[in-house]
Amino acid sequence: MSPDEWRRLASLLPHLRLIHHVRGRLRLRLRTGVSHWLAQYPDVVPEAWLARLPGIAALRLNKAAASLVIEYDARRIPPQWWECLLHSRDEALPDLLAEVGLIVDRAHLFSHPSEGVFA
């Protein structure tokens, strides 16, 4: 995925709250701010975009319930990783993504790798 897509992921995380999690499946609540996030990226269909992530088996978005169910390969993405992801700061995101093989070279995500500033 491109650096722009990782920035989108970083900006989406504050709008998600974990409400249920069993190994291989989690349900997230979409907070009210997610509609503003969607308006910023009218060309992005979040469920299609997130489904392209390696290790994601399926996504189901329920707009009426404001929830997103993610089914994932727990052999590739450890269950505890999701908690870390949802509570991560922007500067920690590349390391978390690399931890489960979602990115290989984190340096291309930054304009100044030593500063941790997204490009």
PDB file of N, CA and C in Angstrom:
ATOM      1  N   MET A   1       0.837  -1.185   0.000  1.00  0.00           N
ATOM      2  CA  MET A   1       0.000   0.000   0.000  1.00  0.00           C
ATOM      3  C   MET A   1       0.881   1.248   0.000  1.00  0.00           C
ATOM      4  N   SER A   2       0.329   2.291  -0.501  1.00  0.00           N
ATOM      5  CA  SER A   2       1.091   3.528  -0.658  1.00  0.00           C
ATOM      6  C   SER A   2       1.189   4.292   0.665  1.00  0.00           C
ATOM      7  N   PRO A   3       2.137   5.219   0.763  1.00  0.00           N
ATOM      8  CA  PRO A   3       2.226   6.066   1.955  1.00  0.00           C
ATOM      9  C   PRO A   3       0.925   6.820   2.225  1.00  0.00           C
ATOM     10  N   ASP A   4       0.239   7.239   1.161  1.00  0.00           N
ATOM     11  CA  ASP A   4      -1.026   7.948   1.339  1.00  0.00           C
ATOM     12  C   ASP A   4      -2.065   7.052   2.012  1.00  0.00           C
ATOM     13  N   GLU A   5      -2.075   5.781   1.646  1.00  0.00           N
ATOM     14  CA  GLU A   5      -3.036   4.861   2.259  1.00  0.00           C
ATOM     15  C   GLU A   5      -2.722   4.624   3.733  1.00  0.00           C
ATOM     16  N   TRP A   6      -1.444   4.595   4.094  1.00  0.00           N
ATOM     17  CA  TRP A   6      -1.098   4.426   5.504  1.00  0.00           C
ATOM     18  C   TRP A   6      -1.465   5.676   6.305  1.00  0.00           C
ATOM     19  N   ARG A   7      -1.339   6.852   5.698  1.00  0.00           N
ATOM     20  CA  ARG A   7      -1.768   8.082   6.378  1.00  0.00           C
ATOM     21  C   ARG A   7      -3.272   8.049   6.601  1.00  0.00           C
ATOM     22  N   ARG A   8      -4.002   7.545   5.619  1.00  0.00           N
ATOM     23  CA  ARG A   8      -5.459   7.428   5.787  1.00  0.00           C
ATOM     24  C   ARG A   8      -5.785   6.499   6.948  1.00  0.00           C
ATOM     25  N   LEU A   9      -5.070   5.386   7.029  1.00  0.00           N
ATOM     26  CA  LEU A   9      -5.294   4.452   8.134  1.00  0.00           C
ATOM     27  C   LEU A   9      -5.027   5.139   9.467  1.00  0.00           C
ATOM     28  N   ALA A  10      -3.938   5.873   9.556  1.00  0.00           N
ATOM     29  CA  ALA A  10      -3.607   6.588  10.794  1.00  0.00           C
ATOM     30  C   ALA A  10      -4.697   7.583  11.160  1.00  0.00           C
ATOM     31  N   SER A  11      -5.271   8.243  10.173  1.00  0.00           N
ATOM     32  CA  SER A  11      -6.312   9.228  10.461  1.00  0.00           C
ATOM     33  C   SER A  11      -7.659   8.574  10.767  1.00  0.00           C
ATOM     34  N   LEU A  12      -7.850   7.326  10.352  1.00  0.00           N
ATOM     35  CA  LEU A  12      -9.102   6.610  10.624  1.00  0.00           C
ATOM     36  C   LEU A  12      -9.134   6.029  12.037  1.00  0.00           C
ATOM     37  N   LEU A  13      -8.008   5.602  12.557  1.00  0.00           N
ATOM     38  CA  LEU A  13      -7.957   4.893  13.841  1.00  0.00           C
ATOM     39  C   LEU A  13      -8.663   5.601  14.998  1.00  0.00           C
ATOM     40  N   PRO A  14      -8.543   6.930  15.160  1.00  0.00           N
ATOM     41  CA  PRO A  14      -9.232   7.575  16.283  1.00  0.00           C
ATOM     42  C   PRO A  14     -10.756   7.477  16.205  1.00  0.00           C
ATOM     43  N   HIS A  15     -11.285   7.117  15.051  1.00  0.00           N
ATOM     44  CA  HIS A  15     -12.731   7.035  14.865  1.00  0.00           C
ATOM     45  C   HIS A  15     -13.273   5.628  15.089  1.00  0.00           C
ATOM     46  N   LEU A  16     -12.417   4.712  15.541  1.00  0.00           N
ATOM     47  CA  LEU A  16     -12.807   3.321  15.753  1.00  0.00           C
ATOM     48  C   LEU A  16     -12.643   2.945  17.220  1.00  0.00           C
ATOM     49  N   ARG A  17     -13.602   2.166  17.716  1.00  0.00           N
ATOM     50  CA  ARG A  17     -13.521   1.683  19.099  1.00  0.00           C
ATOM     51  C   ARG A  17     -13.844   0.198  19.100  1.00  0.00           C
ATOM     52  N   LEU A  18     -13.016  -0.582  19.729  1.00  0.00           N
ATOM     53  CA  LEU A  18     -13.219  -2.022  19.816  1.00  0.00           C
ATOM     54  C   LEU A  18     -14.385  -2.316  20.755  1.00  0.00           C
ATOM     55  N   ILE A  19     -15.369  -3.099  20.268  1.00  0.00           N
ATOM     56  CA  ILE A  19     -16.490  -3.452  21.140  1.00  0.00           C
ATOM     57  C   ILE A  19     -16.586  -4.955  21.395  1.00  0.00           C
ATOM     58  N   HIS A  20     -15.977  -5.774  20.543  1.00  0.00           N
ATOM     59  CA  HIS A  20     -15.982  -7.221  20.763  1.00  0.00           C
ATOM     60  C   HIS A  20     -14.840  -7.842  19.978  1.00  0.00           C
ATOM     61  N   HIS A  21     -14.184  -8.831  20.599  1.00  0.00           N
ATOM     62  CA  HIS A  21     -13.047  -9.446  19.920  1.00  0.00           C
ATOM     63  C   HIS A  21     -12.901 -10.891  20.366  1.00  0.00           C
ATOM     64  N   VAL A  22     -12.920 -11.784  19.414  1.00  0.00           N
ATOM     65  CA  VAL A  22     -12.531 -13.176  19.621  1.00  0.00           C
ATOM     66  C   VAL A  22     -11.466 -13.459  18.577  1.00  0.00           C
ATOM     67  N   ARG A  23     -10.639 -14.429  18.844  1.00  0.00           N
ATOM     68  CA  ARG A  23      -9.534 -14.750  17.927  1.00  0.00           C
ATOM     69  C   ARG A  23     -10.058 -14.911  16.497  1.00  0.00           C
ATOM     70  N   GLY A  24      -9.545 -14.083  15.587  1.00  0.00           N
ATOM     71  CA  GLY A  24      -9.919 -14.148  14.180  1.00  0.00           C
ATOM     72  C   GLY A  24     -11.077 -13.249  13.771  1.00  0.00           C
ATOM     73  N   ARG A  25     -11.694 -12.574  14.739  1.00  0.00           N
ATOM     74  CA  ARG A  25     -12.849 -11.721  14.408  1.00  0.00           C
ATOM     75  C   ARG A  25     -12.981 -10.606  15.445  1.00  0.00           C
ATOM     76  N   LEU A  26     -13.165  -9.379  14.945  1.00  0.00           N
ATOM     77  CA  LEU A  26     -13.420  -8.275  15.865  1.00  0.00           C
ATOM     78  C   LEU A  26     -14.500  -7.367  15.303  1.00  0.00           C
ATOM     79  N   ARG A  27     -15.185  -6.719  16.229  1.00  0.00           N
ATOM     80  CA  ARG A  27     -16.227  -5.753  15.857  1.00  0.00           C
ATOM     81  C   ARG A  27     -15.811  -4.395  16.399  1.00  0.00           C
ATOM     82  N   LEU A  28     -15.847  -3.417  15.510  1.00  0.00           N
ATOM     83  CA  LEU A  28     -15.478  -2.053  15.869  1.00  0.00           C
ATOM     84  C   LEU A  28     -16.692  -1.145  15.767  1.00  0.00           C
ATOM     85  N   ARG A  29     -16.801  -0.216  16.691  1.00  0.00           N
ATOM     86  CA  ARG A  29     -17.830   0.823  16.629  1.00  0.00           C
ATOM     87  C   ARG A  29     -17.246   1.985  15.846  1.00  0.00           C
ATOM     88  N   LEU A  30     -18.025   2.504  14.922  1.00  0.00           N
ATOM     89  CA  LEU A  30     -17.622   3.684  14.157  1.00  0.00           C
ATOM     90  C   LEU A  30     -18.120   4.904  14.918  1.00  0.00           C
ATOM     91  N   ARG A  31     -17.217   5.696  15.410  1.00  0.00           N
ATOM     92  CA  ARG A  31     -17.601   6.885  16.175  1.00  0.00           C
ATOM     93  C   ARG A  31     -18.176   7.939  15.237  1.00  0.00           C
ATOM     94  N   THR A  32     -18.835   8.921  15.809  1.00  0.00           N
ATOM     95  CA  THR A  32     -19.516   9.929  14.999  1.00  0.00           C
ATOM     96  C   THR A  32     -18.583  10.669  14.052  1.00  0.00           C
ATOM     97  N   GLY A  33     -17.329  10.822  14.398  1.00  0.00           N
ATOM     98  CA  GLY A  33     -16.375  11.530  13.550  1.00  0.00           C
ATOM     99  C   GLY A  33     -16.037  10.814  12.262  1.00  0.00           C
ATOM    100  N   VAL A  34     -16.439   9.553  12.134  1.00  0.00           N
ATOM    101  CA  VAL A  34     -16.095   8.804  10.928  1.00  0.00           C
ATOM    102  C   VAL A  34     -16.779   9.395   9.696  1.00  0.00           C
ATOM    103  N   SER A  35     -17.942  10.001   9.855  1.00  0.00           N
ATOM    104  CA  SER A  35     -18.608  10.601   8.690  1.00  0.00           C
ATOM    105  C   SER A  35     -17.790  11.774   8.152  1.00  0.00           C
ATOM    106  N   HIS A  36     -17.170  12.537   9.043  1.00  0.00           N
ATOM    107  CA  HIS A  36     -16.286  13.625   8.613  1.00  0.00           C
ATOM    108  C   HIS A  36     -15.063  13.046   7.901  1.00  0.00           C
ATOM    109  N   TRP A  37     -14.524  11.946   8.433  1.00  0.00           N
ATOM    110  CA  TRP A  37     -13.378  11.285   7.805  1.00  0.00           C
ATOM    111  C   TRP A  37     -13.743  10.829   6.400  1.00  0.00           C
ATOM    112  N   LEU A  38     -14.907  10.214   6.254  1.00  0.00           N
ATOM    113  CA  LEU A  38     -15.353   9.740   4.938  1.00  0.00           C
ATOM    114  C   LEU A  38     -15.502  10.897   3.954  1.00  0.00           C
ATOM    115  N   ALA A  39     -15.971  12.042   4.444  1.00  0.00           N
ATOM    116  CA  ALA A  39     -16.144  13.208   3.575  1.00  0.00           C
ATOM    117  C   ALA A  39     -14.795  13.721   3.060  1.00  0.00           C
ATOM    118  N   GLN A  40     -13.731  13.522   3.829  1.00  0.00           N
ATOM    119  CA  GLN A  40     -12.395  13.949   3.397  1.00  0.00           C
ATOM    120  C   GLN A  40     -11.856  13.083   2.270  1.00  0.00           C
ATOM    121  N   TYR A  41     -12.343  11.856   2.196  1.00  0.00           N
ATOM    122  CA  TYR A  41     -11.855  10.890   1.202  1.00  0.00           C
ATOM    123  C   TYR A  41     -13.032  10.314   0.410  1.00  0.00           C
ATOM    124  N   PRO A  42     -13.694  11.135  -0.400  1.00  0.00           N
ATOM    125  CA  PRO A  42     -14.884  10.648  -1.114  1.00  0.00           C
ATOM    126  C   PRO A  42     -14.592   9.521  -2.095  1.00  0.00           C
ATOM    127  N   ASP A  43     -13.343   9.394  -2.529  1.00  0.00           N
ATOM    128  CA  ASP A  43     -12.973   8.343  -3.485  1.00  0.00           C
ATOM    129  C   ASP A  43     -12.659   7.009  -2.814  1.00  0.00           C
ATOM    130  N   VAL A  44     -12.656   6.978  -1.478  1.00  0.00           N
ATOM    131  CA  VAL A  44     -12.275   5.770  -0.748  1.00  0.00           C
ATOM    132  C   VAL A  44     -13.515   5.038  -0.248  1.00  0.00           C
ATOM    133  N   VAL A  45     -13.570   3.750  -0.513  1.00  0.00           N
ATOM    134  CA  VAL A  45     -14.587   2.870   0.058  1.00  0.00           C
ATOM    135  C   VAL A  45     -13.858   2.088   1.153  1.00  0.00           C
ATOM    136  N   PRO A  46     -14.039   2.476   2.432  1.00  0.00           N
ATOM    137  CA  PRO A  46     -13.208   1.909   3.496  1.00  0.00           C
ATOM    138  C   PRO A  46     -13.181   0.390   3.541  1.00  0.00           C
ATOM    139  N   GLU A  47     -14.329  -0.244   3.369  1.00  0.00           N
ATOM    140  CA  GLU A  47     -14.317  -1.700   3.475  1.00  0.00           C
ATOM    141  C   GLU A  47     -13.525  -2.349   2.345  1.00  0.00           C
ATOM    142  N   ALA A  48     -13.570  -1.783   1.151  1.00  0.00           N
ATOM    143  CA  ALA A  48     -12.784  -2.323   0.034  1.00  0.00           C
ATOM    144  C   ALA A  48     -11.299  -2.042   0.251  1.00  0.00           C
ATOM    145  N   TRP A  49     -11.000  -0.857   0.728  1.00  0.00           N
ATOM    146  CA  TRP A  49      -9.614  -0.458   0.967  1.00  0.00           C
ATOM    147  C   TRP A  49      -8.998  -1.296   2.087  1.00  0.00           C
ATOM    148  N   LEU A  50      -9.696  -1.462   3.202  1.00  0.00           N
ATOM    149  CA  LEU A  50      -9.170  -2.234   4.319  1.00  0.00           C
ATOM    150  C   LEU A  50      -9.084  -3.720   3.998  1.00  0.00           C
ATOM    151  N   ALA A  51      -9.987  -4.211   3.159  1.00  0.00           N
ATOM    152  CA  ALA A  51      -9.987  -5.635   2.802  1.00  0.00           C
ATOM    153  C   ALA A  51      -8.735  -6.026   2.029  1.00  0.00           C
ATOM    154  N   ARG A  52      -8.056  -5.067   1.434  1.00  0.00           N
ATOM    155  CA  ARG A  52      -6.832  -5.362   0.680  1.00  0.00           C
ATOM    156  C   ARG A  52      -5.630  -5.607   1.583  1.00  0.00           C
ATOM    157  N   LEU A  53      -5.752  -5.311   2.854  1.00  0.00           N
ATOM    158  CA  LEU A  53      -4.632  -5.524   3.766  1.00  0.00           C
ATOM    159  C   LEU A  53      -4.351  -7.016   3.896  1.00  0.00           C
ATOM    160  N   PRO A  54      -3.082  -7.422   3.810  1.00  0.00           N
ATOM    161  CA  PRO A  54      -2.741  -8.840   3.982  1.00  0.00           C
ATOM    162  C   PRO A  54      -3.193  -9.337   5.359  1.00  0.00           C
ATOM    163  N   GLY A  55      -3.783 -10.509   5.387  1.00  0.00           N
ATOM    164  CA  GLY A  55      -4.246 -11.091   6.644  1.00  0.00           C
ATOM    165  C   GLY A  55      -5.703 -10.812   6.945  1.00  0.00           C
ATOM    166  N   ILE A  56      -6.330  -9.916   6.187  1.00  0.00           N
ATOM    167  CA  ILE A  56      -7.748  -9.625   6.373  1.00  0.00           C
ATOM    168  C   ILE A  56      -8.543 -10.581   5.491  1.00  0.00           C
ATOM    169  N   ALA A  57      -9.426 -11.360   6.101  1.00  0.00           N
ATOM    170  CA  ALA A  57     -10.207 -12.354   5.363  1.00  0.00           C
ATOM    171  C   ALA A  57     -11.524 -11.774   4.863  1.00  0.00           C
ATOM    172  N   ALA A  58     -12.176 -10.954   5.677  1.00  0.00           N
ATOM    173  CA  ALA A  58     -13.475 -10.395   5.292  1.00  0.00           C
ATOM    174  C   ALA A  58     -13.780  -9.164   6.138  1.00  0.00           C
ATOM    175  N   LEU A  59     -14.593  -8.297   5.568  1.00  0.00           N
ATOM    176  CA  LEU A  59     -15.073  -7.105   6.271  1.00  0.00           C
ATOM    177  C   LEU A  59     -16.560  -6.962   6.011  1.00  0.00           C
ATOM    178  N   ARG A  60     -17.284  -6.584   7.057  1.00  0.00           N
ATOM    179  CA  ARG A  60     -18.705  -6.300   6.897  1.00  0.00           C
ATOM    180  C   ARG A  60     -19.006  -4.984   7.600  1.00  0.00           C
ATOM    181  N   LEU A  61     -19.446  -4.029   6.824  1.00  0.00           N
ATOM    182  CA  LEU A  61     -19.796  -2.719   7.357  1.00  0.00           C
ATOM    183  C   LEU A  61     -21.302  -2.662   7.540  1.00  0.00           C
ATOM    184  N   ASN A  62     -21.746  -2.319   8.742  1.00  0.00           N
ATOM    185  CA  ASN A  62     -23.163  -2.148   9.025  1.00  0.00           C
ATOM    186  C   ASN A  62     -23.366  -0.675   9.353  1.00  0.00           C
ATOM    187  N   LYS A  63     -23.787   0.085   8.351  1.00  0.00           N
ATOM    188  CA  LYS A  63     -23.932   1.530   8.542  1.00  0.00           C
ATOM    189  C   LYS A  63     -25.019   1.855   9.551  1.00  0.00           C
ATOM    190  N   ALA A  64     -26.117   1.090   9.541  1.00  0.00           N
ATOM    191  CA  ALA A  64     -27.219   1.351  10.471  1.00  0.00           C
ATOM    192  C   ALA A  64     -26.773   1.184  11.925  1.00  0.00           C
ATOM    193  N   ALA A  65     -25.943   0.186  12.184  1.00  0.00           N
ATOM    194  CA  ALA A  65     -25.449  -0.066  13.542  1.00  0.00           C
ATOM    195  C   ALA A  65     -24.131   0.652  13.816  1.00  0.00           C
ATOM    196  N   ALA A  66     -23.602   1.329  12.815  1.00  0.00           N
ATOM    197  CA  ALA A  66     -22.313   2.028  12.921  1.00  0.00           C
ATOM    198  C   ALA A  66     -21.225   1.091  13.435  1.00  0.00           C
ATOM    199  N   SER A  67     -21.139  -0.083  12.792  1.00  0.00           N
ATOM    200  CA  SER A  67     -20.116  -1.039  13.207  1.00  0.00           C
ATOM    201  C   SER A  67     -19.430  -1.664  11.998  1.00  0.00           C
ATOM    202  N   LEU A  68     -18.246  -2.162  12.252  1.00  0.00           N
ATOM    203  CA  LEU A  68     -17.445  -2.815  11.233  1.00  0.00           C
ATOM    204  C   LEU A  68     -16.919  -4.114  11.828  1.00  0.00           C
ATOM    205  N   VAL A  69     -17.210  -5.231  11.160  1.00  0.00           N
ATOM    206  CA  VAL A  69     -16.700  -6.533  11.582  1.00  0.00           C
ATOM    207  C   VAL A  69     -15.525  -6.879  10.682  1.00  0.00           C
ATOM    208  N   ILE A  70     -14.421  -7.248  11.299  1.00  0.00           N
ATOM    209  CA  ILE A  70     -13.220  -7.643  10.563  1.00  0.00           C
ATOM    210  C   ILE A  70     -12.901  -9.087  10.932  1.00  0.00           C
ATOM    211  N   GLU A  71     -12.847  -9.931   9.918  1.00  0.00           N
ATOM    212  CA  GLU A  71     -12.376 -11.302  10.111  1.00  0.00           C
ATOM    213  C   GLU A  71     -10.949 -11.335   9.590  1.00  0.00           C
ATOM    214  N   TYR A  72     -10.061 -11.915  10.381  1.00  0.00           N
ATOM    215  CA  TYR A  72      -8.645 -11.881  10.031  1.00  0.00           C
ATOM    216  C   TYR A  72      -7.985 -13.223  10.319  1.00  0.00           C
ATOM    217  N   ASP A  73      -6.832 -13.416   9.720  1.00  0.00           N
ATOM    218  CA  ASP A  73      -6.029 -14.617   9.922  1.00  0.00           C
ATOM    219  C   ASP A  73      -5.191 -14.420  11.188  1.00  0.00           C
ATOM    220  N   ALA A  74      -5.580 -15.089  12.263  1.00  0.00           N
ATOM    221  CA  ALA A  74      -4.896 -14.918  13.551  1.00  0.00           C
ATOM    222  C   ALA A  74      -3.488 -15.514  13.544  1.00  0.00           C
ATOM    223  N   ARG A  75      -3.167 -16.320  12.541  1.00  0.00           N
ATOM    224  CA  ARG A  75      -1.791 -16.820  12.432  1.00  0.00           C
ATOM    225  C   ARG A  75      -0.875 -15.720  11.908  1.00  0.00           C
ATOM    226  N   ARG A  76      -1.431 -14.825  11.119  1.00  0.00           N
ATOM    227  CA  ARG A  76      -0.640 -13.725  10.555  1.00  0.00           C
ATOM    228  C   ARG A  76      -0.687 -12.485  11.449  1.00  0.00           C
ATOM    229  N   ILE A  77      -1.853 -12.203  11.996  1.00  0.00           N
ATOM    230  CA  ILE A  77      -2.034 -11.019  12.837  1.00  0.00           C
ATOM    231  C   ILE A  77      -2.449 -11.497  14.230  1.00  0.00           C
ATOM    232  N   PRO A  78      -1.569 -11.405  15.223  1.00  0.00           N
ATOM    233  CA  PRO A  78      -1.918 -11.853  16.574  1.00  0.00           C
ATOM    234  C   PRO A  78      -3.081 -11.034  17.143  1.00  0.00           C
ATOM    235  N   PRO A  79      -3.991 -11.666  17.865  1.00  0.00           N
ATOM    236  CA  PRO A  79      -5.144 -10.942  18.413  1.00  0.00           C
ATOM    237  C   PRO A  79      -4.765  -9.705  19.223  1.00  0.00           C
ATOM    238  N   GLN A  80      -3.707  -9.767  20.032  1.00  0.00           N
ATOM    239  CA  GLN A  80      -3.322  -8.621  20.864  1.00  0.00           C
ATOM    240  C   GLN A  80      -2.816  -7.440  20.031  1.00  0.00           C
ATOM    241  N   TRP A  81      -2.433  -7.694  18.785  1.00  0.00           N
ATOM    242  CA  TRP A  81      -1.929  -6.642  17.909  1.00  0.00           C
ATOM    243  C   TRP A  81      -2.995  -5.574  17.655  1.00  0.00           C
ATOM    244  N   TRP A  82      -4.258  -5.999  17.575  1.00  0.00           N
ATOM    245  CA  TRP A  82      -5.340  -5.048  17.278  1.00  0.00           C
ATOM    246  C   TRP A  82      -5.465  -3.978  18.355  1.00  0.00           C
ATOM    247  N   GLU A  83      -5.354  -4.384  19.618  1.00  0.00           N
ATOM    248  CA  GLU A  83      -5.407  -3.402  20.710  1.00  0.00           C
ATOM    249  C   GLU A  83      -4.286  -2.385  20.558  1.00  0.00           C
ATOM    250  N   CYS A  84      -3.102  -2.876  20.250  1.00  0.00           N
ATOM    251  CA  CYS A  84      -1.958  -1.972  20.045  1.00  0.00           C
ATOM    252  C   CYS A  84      -2.234  -1.017  18.891  1.00  0.00           C
ATOM    253  N   LEU A  85      -2.772  -1.548  17.803  1.00  0.00           N
ATOM    254  CA  LEU A  85      -3.063  -0.714  16.637  1.00  0.00           C
ATOM    255  C   LEU A  85      -4.068   0.378  16.976  1.00  0.00           C
ATOM    256  N   LEU A  86      -5.166   0.009  17.614  1.00  0.00           N
ATOM    257  CA  LEU A  86      -6.231   0.965  17.893  1.00  0.00           C
ATOM    258  C   LEU A  86      -5.825   2.041  18.894  1.00  0.00           C
ATOM    259  N   HIS A  87      -4.808   1.766  19.698  1.00  0.00           N
ATOM    260  CA  HIS A  87      -4.347   2.752  20.677  1.00  0.00           C
ATOM    261  C   HIS A  87      -3.008   3.374  20.306  1.00  0.00           C
ATOM    262  N   SER A  88      -2.563   3.129  19.080  1.00  0.00           N
ATOM    263  CA  SER A  88      -1.242   3.617  18.679  1.00  0.00           C
ATOM    264  C   SER A  88      -1.261   5.101  18.331  1.00  0.00           C
ATOM    265  N   ARG A  89      -0.105   5.696  18.451  1.00  0.00           N
ATOM    266  CA  ARG A  89       0.107   7.063  17.981  1.00  0.00           C
ATOM    267  C   ARG A  89       0.621   6.964  16.550  1.00  0.00           C
ATOM    268  N   ASP A  90       0.465   8.026  15.796  1.00  0.00           N
ATOM    269  CA  ASP A  90       0.902   8.023  14.397  1.00  0.00           C
ATOM    270  C   ASP A  90       2.340   7.544  14.232  1.00  0.00           C
ATOM    271  N   GLU A  91       3.218   8.004  15.113  1.00  0.00           N
ATOM    272  CA  GLU A  91       4.629   7.663  14.946  1.00  0.00           C
ATOM    273  C   GLU A  91       4.907   6.178  15.220  1.00  0.00           C
ATOM    274  N   ALA A  92       4.024   5.495  15.938  1.00  0.00           N
ATOM    275  CA  ALA A  92       4.203   4.066  16.220  1.00  0.00           C
ATOM    276  C   ALA A  92       3.612   3.185  15.127  1.00  0.00           C
ATOM    277  N   LEU A  93       2.767   3.753  14.286  1.00  0.00           N
ATOM    278  CA  LEU A  93       2.058   2.965  13.280  1.00  0.00           C
ATOM    279  C   LEU A  93       2.980   2.187  12.341  1.00  0.00           C
ATOM    280  N   PRO A  94       4.016   2.777  11.768  1.00  0.00           N
ATOM    281  CA  PRO A  94       4.877   1.996  10.864  1.00  0.00           C
ATOM    282  C   PRO A  94       5.490   0.765  11.524  1.00  0.00           C
ATOM    283  N   ASP A  95       5.928   0.892  12.773  1.00  0.00           N
ATOM    284  CA  ASP A  95       6.507  -0.262  13.465  1.00  0.00           C
ATOM    285  C   ASP A  95       5.460  -1.342  13.693  1.00  0.00           C
ATOM    286  N   LEU A  96       4.250  -0.934  14.047  1.00  0.00           N
ATOM    287  CA  LEU A  96       3.175  -1.912  14.245  1.00  0.00           C
ATOM    288  C   LEU A  96       2.839  -2.635  12.947  1.00  0.00           C
ATOM    289  N   LEU A  97       2.786  -1.894  11.858  1.00  0.00           N
ATOM    290  CA  LEU A  97       2.467  -2.500  10.562  1.00  0.00           C
ATOM    291  C   LEU A  97       3.573  -3.449  10.120  1.00  0.00           C
ATOM    292  N   ALA A  98       4.809  -3.063  10.365  1.00  0.00           N
ATOM    293  CA  ALA A  98       5.941  -3.917  10.003  1.00  0.00           C
ATOM    294  C   ALA A  98       5.967  -5.182  10.858  1.00  0.00           C
ATOM    295  N   GLU A  99       5.518  -5.069  12.088  1.00  0.00           N
ATOM    296  CA  GLU A  99       5.505  -6.199  13.019  1.00  0.00           C
ATOM    297  C   GLU A  99       4.727  -7.397  12.476  1.00  0.00           C
ATOM    298  N   VAL A 100       3.661  -7.135  11.732  1.00  0.00           N
ATOM    299  CA  VAL A 100       2.841  -8.225  11.183  1.00  0.00           C
ATOM    300  C   VAL A 100       3.006  -8.352   9.670  1.00  0.00           C
ATOM    301  N   GLY A 101       4.042  -7.702   9.138  1.00  0.00           N
ATOM    302  CA  GLY A 101       4.351  -7.850   7.716  1.00  0.00           C
ATOM    303  C   GLY A 101       3.474  -7.056   6.772  1.00  0.00           C
ATOM    304  N   LEU A 102       2.780  -6.039   7.278  1.00  0.00           N
ATOM    305  CA  LEU A 102       1.942  -5.227   6.395  1.00  0.00           C
ATOM    306  C   LEU A 102       2.762  -4.225   5.604  1.00  0.00           C
ATOM    307  N   ILE A 103       3.934  -3.872   6.118  1.00  0.00           N
ATOM    308  CA  ILE A 103       4.897  -3.082   5.352  1.00  0.00           C
ATOM    309  C   ILE A 103       6.268  -3.683   5.606  1.00  0.00           C
ATOM    310  N   VAL A 104       7.139  -3.536   4.646  1.00  0.00           N
ATOM    311  CA  VAL A 104       8.495  -4.059   4.786  1.00  0.00           C
ATOM    312  C   VAL A 104       9.460  -2.927   5.077  1.00  0.00           C
ATOM    313  N   ASP A 105       9.358  -1.849   4.307  1.00  0.00           N
ATOM    314  CA  ASP A 105      10.279  -0.725   4.449  1.00  0.00           C
ATOM    315  C   ASP A 105       9.519   0.479   4.977  1.00  0.00           C
ATOM    316  N   ARG A 106       9.661   0.745   6.260  1.00  0.00           N
ATOM    317  CA  ARG A 106       8.912   1.854   6.852  1.00  0.00           C
ATOM    318  C   ARG A 106       9.476   3.213   6.465  1.00  0.00           C
ATOM    319  N   ALA A 107      10.710   3.274   5.992  1.00  0.00           N
ATOM    320  CA  ALA A 107      11.348   4.554   5.674  1.00  0.00           C
ATOM    321  C   ALA A 107      10.594   5.311   4.594  1.00  0.00           C
ATOM    322  N   HIS A 108       9.979   4.598   3.634  1.00  0.00           N
ATOM    323  CA  HIS A 108       9.288   5.307   2.550  1.00  0.00           C
ATOM    324  C   HIS A 108       8.002   5.978   3.013  1.00  0.00           C
ATOM    325  N   LEU A 109       7.567   5.728   4.247  1.00  0.00           N
ATOM    326  CA  LEU A 109       6.347   6.347   4.757  1.00  0.00           C
ATOM    327  C   LEU A 109       6.573   7.762   5.262  1.00  0.00           C
ATOM    328  N   PHE A 110       7.819   8.120   5.475  1.00  0.00           N
ATOM    329  CA  PHE A 110       8.122   9.394   6.099  1.00  0.00           C
ATOM    330  C   PHE A 110       8.844  10.340   5.162  1.00  0.00           C
ATOM    331  N   SER A 111       8.574  11.637   5.352  1.00  0.00           N
ATOM    332  CA  SER A 111       9.342  12.636   4.621  1.00  0.00           C
ATOM    333  C   SER A 111      10.725  12.762   5.260  1.00  0.00           C
ATOM    334  N   HIS A 112      10.788  12.595   6.583  1.00  0.00           N
ATOM    335  CA  HIS A 112      12.040  12.639   7.334  1.00  0.00           C
ATOM    336  C   HIS A 112      12.021  11.462   8.307  1.00  0.00           C
ATOM    337  N   PRO A 113      12.559  10.285   7.893  1.00  0.00           N
ATOM    338  CA  PRO A 113      12.476   9.090   8.730  1.00  0.00           C
ATOM    339  C   PRO A 113      12.952   9.284  10.163  1.00  0.00           C
ATOM    340  N   SER A 114      13.961  10.095  10.368  1.00  0.00           N
ATOM    341  CA  SER A 114      14.458  10.276  11.731  1.00  0.00           C
ATOM    342  C   SER A 114      13.470  11.054  12.592  1.00  0.00           C
ATOM    343  N   GLU A 115      12.612  11.829  11.961  1.00  0.00           N
ATOM    344  CA  GLU A 115      11.656  12.635  12.706  1.00  0.00           C
ATOM    345  C   GLU A 115      10.328  11.927  12.900  1.00  0.00           C
ATOM    346  N   GLY A 116      10.040  10.911  12.089  1.00  0.00           N
ATOM    347  CA  GLY A 116       8.760  10.238  12.201  1.00  0.00           C
ATOM    348  C   GLY A 116       7.605  11.087  11.715  1.00  0.00           C
ATOM    349  N   VAL A 117       7.843  11.929  10.723  1.00  0.00           N
ATOM    350  CA  VAL A 117       6.797  12.781  10.165  1.00  0.00           C
ATOM    351  C   VAL A 117       6.317  12.147   8.877  1.00  0.00           C
ATOM    352  N   PHE A 118       5.019  11.864   8.800  1.00  0.00           N
ATOM    353  CA  PHE A 118       4.495  11.237   7.592  1.00  0.00           C
ATOM    354  C   PHE A 118       4.736  12.110   6.379  1.00  0.00           C
ATOM    355  N   ALA A 119       5.118  11.463   5.283  1.00  0.00           N
ATOM    356  CA  ALA A 119       5.382  12.172   4.022  1.00  0.00           C
ATOM    357  C   ALA A 119       4.114  12.769   3.464  1.00  0.00           C
TER     358      ALA A 119
END
